Amino acid sequence: MNEQTDTSQIIAQQIQEHPILLYMKGSPERPQCGFSARITEILINYGKRFAYVDVLSNPDIRSELPQYAKWPTFPQLWVNGQLVGGCDIVHNMHETGKLQPLLDTVSVV
């Protein structure tokens, strides 16, 4: 197995294990870009627990995830194993009331 395959498997496992997963720059406590900060703030305001992966400290994931997701930028929000999108999409869903019902489909474990 090559490194790219290993990284793809790690990504797939992360997405499967975490119902709400944010691939971001930095951490929720210390976002390293405004887009990551905006999505983090939205998720925190909904009161939903979410996992995150700092792509800045995980260069293999940072390089592989855009191909895996077929989405070129960060942050990326995943809910129930599906890519929701980046900052603009998440912000728009929040503003139009479509994000809350999606997050409510996540079962709390």
C-alpha atoms as a PDB file:
ATOM      1  CA  MET A   1       0.000   0.000   0.000  1.00  0.00           C
ATOM      2  CA  ASN A   2       1.291   3.467  -0.748  1.00  0.00           C
ATOM      3  CA  GLU A   3       1.175   6.584   1.409  1.00  0.00           C
ATOM      4  CA  GLN A   4      -1.711   8.104  -0.596  1.00  0.00           C
ATOM      5  CA  THR A   5      -3.834   4.987  -0.051  1.00  0.00           C
ATOM      6  CA  ASP A   6      -3.031   5.011   3.662  1.00  0.00           C
ATOM      7  CA  THR A   7      -4.027   8.677   3.935  1.00  0.00           C
ATOM      8  CA  SER A   8      -7.268   8.049   2.023  1.00  0.00           C
ATOM      9  CA  GLN A   9      -8.097   5.247   4.452  1.00  0.00           C
ATOM     10  CA  ILE A  10      -7.395   7.518   7.420  1.00  0.00           C
ATOM     11  CA  ILE A  11      -9.684  10.185   5.947  1.00  0.00           C
ATOM     12  CA  ALA A  12     -12.446   7.644   5.300  1.00  0.00           C
ATOM     13  CA  GLN A  13     -12.143   6.355   8.866  1.00  0.00           C
ATOM     14  CA  GLN A  14     -12.283   9.876  10.335  1.00  0.00           C
ATOM     15  CA  ILE A  15     -15.394  10.705   8.319  1.00  0.00           C
ATOM     16  CA  GLN A  16     -17.065   7.435   9.329  1.00  0.00           C
ATOM     17  CA  GLU A  17     -16.224   7.786  13.032  1.00  0.00           C
ATOM     18  CA  HIS A  18     -17.348  11.392  13.501  1.00  0.00           C
ATOM     19  CA  PRO A  19     -20.940  12.367  12.617  1.00  0.00           C
ATOM     20  CA  ILE A  20     -19.928  16.047  12.447  1.00  0.00           C
ATOM     21  CA  LEU A  21     -16.368  16.591  11.289  1.00  0.00           C
ATOM     22  CA  LEU A  22     -14.656  19.820  10.342  1.00  0.00           C
ATOM     23  CA  TYR A  23     -11.395  19.815   8.421  1.00  0.00           C
ATOM     24  CA  MET A  24     -10.018  23.225   9.256  1.00  0.00           C
ATOM     25  CA  LYS A  25      -6.923  25.338   9.629  1.00  0.00           C
ATOM     26  CA  GLY A  26      -6.095  25.448  13.324  1.00  0.00           C
ATOM     27  CA  SER A  27      -8.406  24.385  16.122  1.00  0.00           C
ATOM     28  CA  PRO A  28     -11.816  25.593  17.306  1.00  0.00           C
ATOM     29  CA  GLU A  29     -10.043  27.429  20.129  1.00  0.00           C
ATOM     30  CA  ARG A  30      -7.417  28.926  17.788  1.00  0.00           C
ATOM     31  CA  PRO A  31      -8.583  28.973  14.168  1.00  0.00           C
ATOM     32  CA  GLN A  32      -5.824  29.926  11.750  1.00  0.00           C
ATOM     33  CA  CYS A  33      -8.044  31.450   9.073  1.00  0.00           C
ATOM     34  CA  GLY A  34     -11.217  33.492   9.013  1.00  0.00           C
ATOM     35  CA  PHE A  35     -13.183  30.860   7.117  1.00  0.00           C
ATOM     36  CA  SER A  36     -12.373  28.190   9.709  1.00  0.00           C
ATOM     37  CA  ALA A  37     -13.269  30.650  12.472  1.00  0.00           C
ATOM     38  CA  ARG A  38     -16.646  31.390  10.878  1.00  0.00           C
ATOM     39  CA  ILE A  39     -17.700  27.732  10.540  1.00  0.00           C
ATOM     40  CA  THR A  40     -16.469  26.966  14.061  1.00  0.00           C
ATOM     41  CA  GLU A  41     -18.531  29.837  15.460  1.00  0.00           C
ATOM     42  CA  ILE A  42     -21.641  28.639  13.608  1.00  0.00           C
ATOM     43  CA  LEU A  43     -21.250  25.059  14.874  1.00  0.00           C
ATOM     44  CA  ILE A  44     -20.570  26.156  18.452  1.00  0.00           C
ATOM     45  CA  ASN A  45     -23.691  28.361  18.391  1.00  0.00           C
ATOM     46  CA  TYR A  46     -25.798  25.299  17.484  1.00  0.00           C
ATOM     47  CA  GLY A  47     -24.450  23.527  20.546  1.00  0.00           C
ATOM     48  CA  LYS A  48     -23.549  20.402  18.593  1.00  0.00           C
ATOM     49  CA  ARG A  49     -20.437  18.446  19.445  1.00  0.00           C
ATOM     50  CA  PHE A  50     -18.105  18.128  16.496  1.00  0.00           C
ATOM     51  CA  ALA A  51     -14.710  16.689  15.776  1.00  0.00           C
ATOM     52  CA  TYR A  52     -12.041  18.546  13.878  1.00  0.00           C
ATOM     53  CA  VAL A  53      -8.805  17.864  12.074  1.00  0.00           C
ATOM     54  CA  ASP A  54      -6.201  20.615  11.802  1.00  0.00           C
ATOM     55  CA  VAL A  55      -4.958  20.301   8.230  1.00  0.00           C
ATOM     56  CA  LEU A  56      -2.003  22.576   8.989  1.00  0.00           C
ATOM     57  CA  SER A  57      -0.547  20.017  11.401  1.00  0.00           C
ATOM     58  CA  ASN A  58      -1.561  17.075   9.153  1.00  0.00           C
ATOM     59  CA  PRO A  59       0.134  17.771   5.800  1.00  0.00           C
ATOM     60  CA  ASP A  60      -0.738  14.346   4.344  1.00  0.00           C
ATOM     61  CA  ILE A  61      -4.438  14.945   4.944  1.00  0.00           C
ATOM     62  CA  ARG A  62      -4.137  18.522   3.697  1.00  0.00           C
ATOM     63  CA  SER A  63      -2.707  17.315   0.393  1.00  0.00           C
ATOM     64  CA  GLU A  64      -4.978  14.265  -0.052  1.00  0.00           C
ATOM     65  CA  LEU A  65      -8.380  15.516   1.154  1.00  0.00           C
ATOM     66  CA  PRO A  66      -9.103  17.802  -1.832  1.00  0.00           C
ATOM     67  CA  GLN A  67      -8.803  14.802  -4.197  1.00  0.00           C
ATOM     68  CA  TYR A  68     -10.722  12.522  -1.845  1.00  0.00           C
ATOM     69  CA  ALA A  69     -13.554  15.022  -1.401  1.00  0.00           C
ATOM     70  CA  LYS A  70     -13.428  16.486  -4.890  1.00  0.00           C
ATOM     71  CA  TRP A  71     -13.458  19.835  -3.071  1.00  0.00           C
ATOM     72  CA  PRO A  72     -10.362  22.029  -3.414  1.00  0.00           C
ATOM     73  CA  THR A  73     -10.462  24.274  -0.353  1.00  0.00           C
ATOM     74  CA  PHE A  74     -10.548  24.301   3.441  1.00  0.00           C
ATOM     75  CA  PRO A  75     -12.429  24.289   5.699  1.00  0.00           C
ATOM     76  CA  GLN A  76     -14.637  21.343   4.811  1.00  0.00           C
ATOM     77  CA  LEU A  77     -17.651  20.343   6.886  1.00  0.00           C
ATOM     78  CA  TRP A  78     -18.784  16.718   6.794  1.00  0.00           C
ATOM     79  CA  VAL A  79     -22.076  15.584   8.339  1.00  0.00           C
ATOM     80  CA  ASN A  80     -23.160  11.944   8.517  1.00  0.00           C
ATOM     81  CA  GLY A  81     -20.390  10.935   6.123  1.00  0.00           C
ATOM     82  CA  GLN A  82     -21.339  13.474   3.451  1.00  0.00           C
ATOM     83  CA  LEU A  83     -19.469  16.607   2.442  1.00  0.00           C
ATOM     84  CA  VAL A  84     -21.618  19.652   3.143  1.00  0.00           C
ATOM     85  CA  GLY A  85     -19.120  22.130   1.745  1.00  0.00           C
ATOM     86  CA  GLY A  86     -16.933  25.043   2.669  1.00  0.00           C
ATOM     87  CA  CYS A  87     -17.487  28.313   4.450  1.00  0.00           C
ATOM     88  CA  ASP A  88     -19.771  29.987   1.910  1.00  0.00           C
ATOM     89  CA  ILE A  89     -22.093  26.991   1.642  1.00  0.00           C
ATOM     90  CA  VAL A  90     -22.245  26.416   5.400  1.00  0.00           C
ATOM     91  CA  HIS A  91     -22.826  30.111   6.067  1.00  0.00           C
ATOM     92  CA  ASN A  92     -25.590  30.227   3.439  1.00  0.00           C
ATOM     93  CA  MET A  93     -27.243  27.112   4.912  1.00  0.00           C
ATOM     94  CA  HIS A  94     -27.065  28.722   8.344  1.00  0.00           C
ATOM     95  CA  GLU A  95     -28.608  31.975   7.094  1.00  0.00           C
ATOM     96  CA  THR A  96     -31.431  30.197   5.252  1.00  0.00           C
ATOM     97  CA  GLY A  97     -32.257  27.802   8.106  1.00  0.00           C
ATOM     98  CA  LYS A  98     -31.110  24.668   6.277  1.00  0.00           C
ATOM     99  CA  LEU A  99     -28.142  23.845   8.498  1.00  0.00           C
ATOM    100  CA  GLN A 100     -30.053  23.215  11.740  1.00  0.00           C
ATOM    101  CA  PRO A 101     -32.244  20.418  10.299  1.00  0.00           C
ATOM    102  CA  LEU A 102     -29.153  18.766   8.803  1.00  0.00           C
ATOM    103  CA  LEU A 103     -27.296  18.906  12.109  1.00  0.00           C
ATOM    104  CA  ASP A 104     -30.392  17.595  13.884  1.00  0.00           C
ATOM    105  CA  THR A 105     -30.146  14.380  11.832  1.00  0.00           C
ATOM    106  CA  VAL A 106     -26.966  13.534  13.718  1.00  0.00           C
ATOM    107  CA  SER A 107     -27.618  11.051  16.477  1.00  0.00           C
ATOM    108  CA  VAL A 108     -25.829  11.777  19.706  1.00  0.00           C
ATOM    109  CA  VAL A 109     -23.760   8.830  20.849  1.00  0.00           C
END
